[in-house]
């Protein structure tokens, strides 16, 4: 039975109680990424990559980098969302080709898009752009995990520089988020209260 999206949203929670010894296989991994590839992004740049870490060596290293959080070890699978802060330059040819093919841009509009993509920006601005974009993809991934019967928890406590060194990320790459991924341990995590609709309106 296909789950309605509203039910999917309401059932998803950040799980801390994982079943041990579960490893995501390649078939499931590619199913997850199939969801992610449909995520919207500015310029349709899709400036993200997802790295799956499962080996004992990686889990041990990430346990320390993630401030010794227990779920790193119990989940058994860690996903790092990686963004390219220089996507405007690195992928401008692909982006322009796609826009011209599917949107039939005039030469003037194509030139304007190229100029916008390749514009020199301060590093903090480029970081903000890619974090906004890649965070959308991370949310898609979390819903995809729920839809496929997996459990996931986005993790905020991460030593960013240590993670960058460990993964050997290039200067233009930043680790956006680490997600613990696995199977629920059976005891459902209590979902903390949500703000009311009225509280969300400004």
Protein backbone atom coordinates (compact mmCIF):
# COMPACT_ATOMS: atom_id res chain seq x y z
CA UNK A 1 0.00 0.00 0.00
CA UNK A 2 1.39 3.40 -0.99
CA UNK A 3 1.63 5.85 1.88
CA UNK A 4 -0.04 9.22 1.40
CA UNK A 5 2.46 12.06 1.57
CA UNK A 6 0.74 13.65 4.57
CA UNK A 7 1.09 10.35 6.43
CA UNK A 8 4.72 10.05 5.38
CA UNK A 9 5.48 13.53 6.72
CA UNK A 10 3.70 12.81 10.00
CA UNK A 11 5.33 9.41 10.52
CA UNK A 12 8.91 10.49 9.82
CA UNK A 13 10.95 11.15 12.93
CA UNK A 14 14.59 11.36 13.94
CA UNK A 15 15.30 7.84 15.15
CA UNK A 16 17.87 7.19 17.89
CA UNK A 17 17.05 3.54 18.52
CA UNK A 18 18.56 1.55 15.64
CA UNK A 19 18.65 -2.18 15.07
CA UNK A 20 22.29 -3.35 15.11
CA UNK A 21 24.19 -4.98 12.24
CA UNK A 22 22.03 -3.63 9.41
CA UNK A 23 23.78 -2.46 6.25
CA UNK A 24 22.07 -0.68 3.39
CA UNK A 25 22.68 -2.57 0.14
CA UNK A 26 23.47 -0.96 -3.21
CA UNK A 27 19.98 -1.55 -4.61
CA UNK A 28 18.36 0.35 -1.73
CA UNK A 29 21.06 3.02 -1.85
CA UNK A 30 20.32 3.77 -5.50
CA UNK A 31 16.59 3.83 -4.77
CA UNK A 32 17.25 6.52 -2.18
CA UNK A 33 19.31 8.54 -4.63
CA UNK A 34 16.58 8.16 -7.26
CA UNK A 35 14.31 10.16 -4.94
CA UNK A 36 17.04 12.73 -4.33
CA UNK A 37 17.72 13.40 -8.01
CA UNK A 38 14.25 14.93 -8.33
CA UNK A 39 14.94 17.59 -5.69
CA UNK A 40 14.55 21.20 -6.91
CA UNK A 41 17.53 23.55 -6.84
CA UNK A 42 18.53 27.04 -7.90
CA UNK A 43 19.56 27.12 -11.59
CA UNK A 44 18.70 23.40 -11.56
CA UNK A 45 22.34 23.09 -10.48
CA UNK A 46 21.86 20.07 -8.19
CA UNK A 47 25.17 20.93 -6.46
CA UNK A 48 25.28 17.93 -4.14
CA UNK A 49 26.71 14.46 -3.75
CA UNK A 50 25.87 11.79 -1.18
CA UNK A 51 28.54 9.52 0.27
CA UNK A 52 27.65 6.29 2.09
CA UNK A 53 30.05 5.10 4.81
CA UNK A 54 29.64 1.61 6.28
CA UNK A 55 33.02 0.04 7.05
CA UNK A 56 34.14 -0.52 10.63
CA UNK A 57 37.05 1.83 10.04
CA UNK A 58 34.78 4.62 8.78
CA UNK A 59 32.26 4.11 11.56
CA UNK A 60 34.99 4.29 14.22
CA UNK A 61 36.45 7.45 12.71
CA UNK A 62 33.08 9.14 12.27
CA UNK A 63 32.11 8.22 15.83
CA UNK A 64 34.93 10.46 17.08
CA UNK A 65 34.28 13.16 14.49
CA UNK A 66 30.59 13.19 15.46
CA UNK A 67 31.41 13.84 19.12
CA UNK A 68 31.06 10.18 20.21
CA UNK A 69 27.33 10.03 19.53
CA UNK A 70 26.14 6.46 20.05
CA UNK A 71 23.85 6.40 17.00
CA UNK A 72 26.89 6.52 14.72
CA UNK A 73 27.74 2.98 15.77
CA UNK A 74 24.24 1.58 16.22
CA UNK A 75 22.89 2.85 12.90
CA UNK A 76 25.65 1.12 10.97
CA UNK A 77 25.34 3.44 7.96
CA UNK A 78 26.38 7.07 7.72
CA UNK A 79 25.51 9.38 4.86
CA UNK A 80 27.43 12.58 4.26
CA UNK A 81 25.77 15.24 2.13
CA UNK A 82 28.47 17.14 0.25
CA UNK A 83 28.03 20.44 -1.56
CA UNK A 84 30.14 22.16 -4.23
CA UNK A 85 30.51 25.86 -3.47
CA UNK A 86 31.92 26.48 -6.96
CA UNK A 87 29.06 24.82 -8.82
CA UNK A 88 28.46 28.05 -10.74
CA UNK A 89 31.79 27.66 -12.51
CA UNK A 90 32.26 23.91 -12.36
CA UNK A 91 28.89 23.05 -13.86
CA UNK A 92 28.03 26.14 -15.89
CA UNK A 93 28.42 24.36 -19.25
CA UNK A 94 26.02 21.56 -18.30
CA UNK A 95 23.51 23.96 -16.77
CA UNK A 96 23.59 26.27 -19.79
CA UNK A 97 23.23 23.38 -22.23
CA UNK A 98 20.19 22.07 -20.35
CA UNK A 99 18.53 25.47 -20.10
CA UNK A 100 19.09 26.15 -23.78
CA UNK A 101 17.75 22.75 -24.80
CA UNK A 102 14.65 22.70 -22.60
CA UNK A 103 13.87 26.41 -22.22
CA UNK A 104 15.02 27.64 -25.64
CA UNK A 105 16.89 30.61 -24.21
CA UNK A 106 17.64 33.54 -26.45
CA UNK A 107 21.35 34.36 -26.81
CA UNK A 108 20.88 37.37 -24.54
CA UNK A 109 19.24 35.31 -21.80
CA UNK A 110 21.85 32.57 -22.15
CA UNK A 111 24.60 35.16 -21.73
CA UNK A 112 22.85 36.55 -18.66
CA UNK A 113 22.54 33.07 -17.11
CA UNK A 114 26.21 32.33 -17.77
CA UNK A 115 27.20 35.65 -16.20
CA UNK A 116 25.06 34.93 -13.12
CA UNK A 117 26.48 31.42 -12.73
CA UNK A 118 30.10 32.46 -13.08
CA UNK A 119 29.87 35.69 -11.12
CA UNK A 120 32.62 36.17 -8.52
CA UNK A 121 31.08 35.88 -5.07
CA UNK A 122 32.50 35.97 -1.58
CA UNK A 123 33.05 32.52 -0.09
CA UNK A 124 30.36 32.97 2.57
CA UNK A 125 27.79 33.75 -0.11
CA UNK A 126 28.72 30.67 -2.10
CA UNK A 127 28.53 28.57 1.05
CA UNK A 128 25.05 29.89 1.82
CA UNK A 129 23.85 29.13 -1.69
CA UNK A 130 25.05 25.53 -1.65
CA UNK A 131 23.87 24.89 1.92
CA UNK A 132 20.35 26.04 1.00
CA UNK A 133 20.33 23.85 -2.09
CA UNK A 134 21.87 20.74 -0.53
CA UNK A 135 19.62 20.98 2.52
CA UNK A 136 16.63 20.54 0.21
CA UNK A 137 18.23 17.36 -1.12
CA UNK A 138 18.93 16.15 2.42
CA UNK A 139 15.26 16.57 3.32
CA UNK A 140 14.25 14.60 0.25
CA UNK A 141 16.64 11.87 1.39
CA UNK A 142 15.04 11.76 4.85
CA UNK A 143 11.57 11.34 3.38
CA UNK A 144 12.88 8.75 0.94
CA UNK A 145 14.32 6.73 3.82
CA UNK A 146 10.96 6.78 5.58
CA UNK A 147 9.15 5.75 2.41
CA UNK A 148 11.49 2.77 1.98
CA UNK A 149 10.99 1.60 5.57
CA UNK A 150 14.33 2.86 6.86
CA UNK A 151 15.13 4.96 9.90
CA UNK A 152 17.25 8.10 9.79
CA UNK A 153 18.53 10.89 11.98
CA UNK A 154 20.21 14.11 10.75
CA UNK A 155 23.13 14.96 13.02
CA UNK A 156 24.24 18.46 13.94
CA UNK A 157 27.15 17.61 16.26
CA UNK A 158 30.05 17.20 13.82
CA UNK A 159 33.64 18.45 13.77
CA UNK A 160 33.48 19.95 10.30
CA UNK A 161 37.21 20.38 9.64
CA UNK A 162 38.00 16.87 10.87
CA UNK A 163 35.27 15.47 8.63
CA UNK A 164 36.58 17.42 5.64
CA UNK A 165 40.09 16.06 6.23
CA UNK A 166 38.90 12.51 6.78
CA UNK A 167 36.87 12.43 3.57
CA UNK A 168 39.61 14.18 1.63
CA UNK A 169 37.22 16.86 0.39
CA UNK A 170 38.53 19.39 -2.12
CA UNK A 171 38.65 23.10 -1.31
CA UNK A 172 35.37 23.66 -3.15
CA UNK A 173 33.57 20.86 -1.28
CA UNK A 174 31.85 21.23 2.08
CA UNK A 175 30.12 18.64 4.24
CA UNK A 176 26.57 19.91 4.65
CA UNK A 177 25.21 17.24 6.95
CA UNK A 178 25.75 13.76 8.37
CA UNK A 179 22.74 11.43 8.45
CA UNK A 180 22.62 8.24 10.50
CA UNK A 181 20.74 5.61 8.50
CA UNK A 182 19.54 2.12 9.34
CA UNK A 183 16.61 0.09 10.58
CA UNK A 184 14.49 1.01 13.58
CA UNK A 185 15.28 -0.96 16.70
CA UNK A 186 11.58 -1.59 17.28
CA UNK A 187 11.00 0.76 20.17
CA UNK A 188 9.58 3.82 18.49
CA UNK A 189 11.30 7.08 19.31
CA UNK A 190 8.91 9.58 20.84
CA UNK A 191 8.41 12.51 18.53
CA UNK A 192 8.94 15.80 20.31
CA UNK A 193 6.05 18.30 20.14
CA UNK A 194 5.63 20.34 16.99
CA UNK A 195 4.76 24.02 16.90
CA UNK A 196 1.16 24.82 16.04
CA UNK A 197 0.15 26.14 12.63
CA UNK A 198 -0.50 29.53 14.24
CA UNK A 199 3.04 29.56 15.67
CA UNK A 200 4.48 29.09 12.18
CA UNK A 201 2.70 32.08 10.69
CA UNK A 202 4.44 35.43 10.74
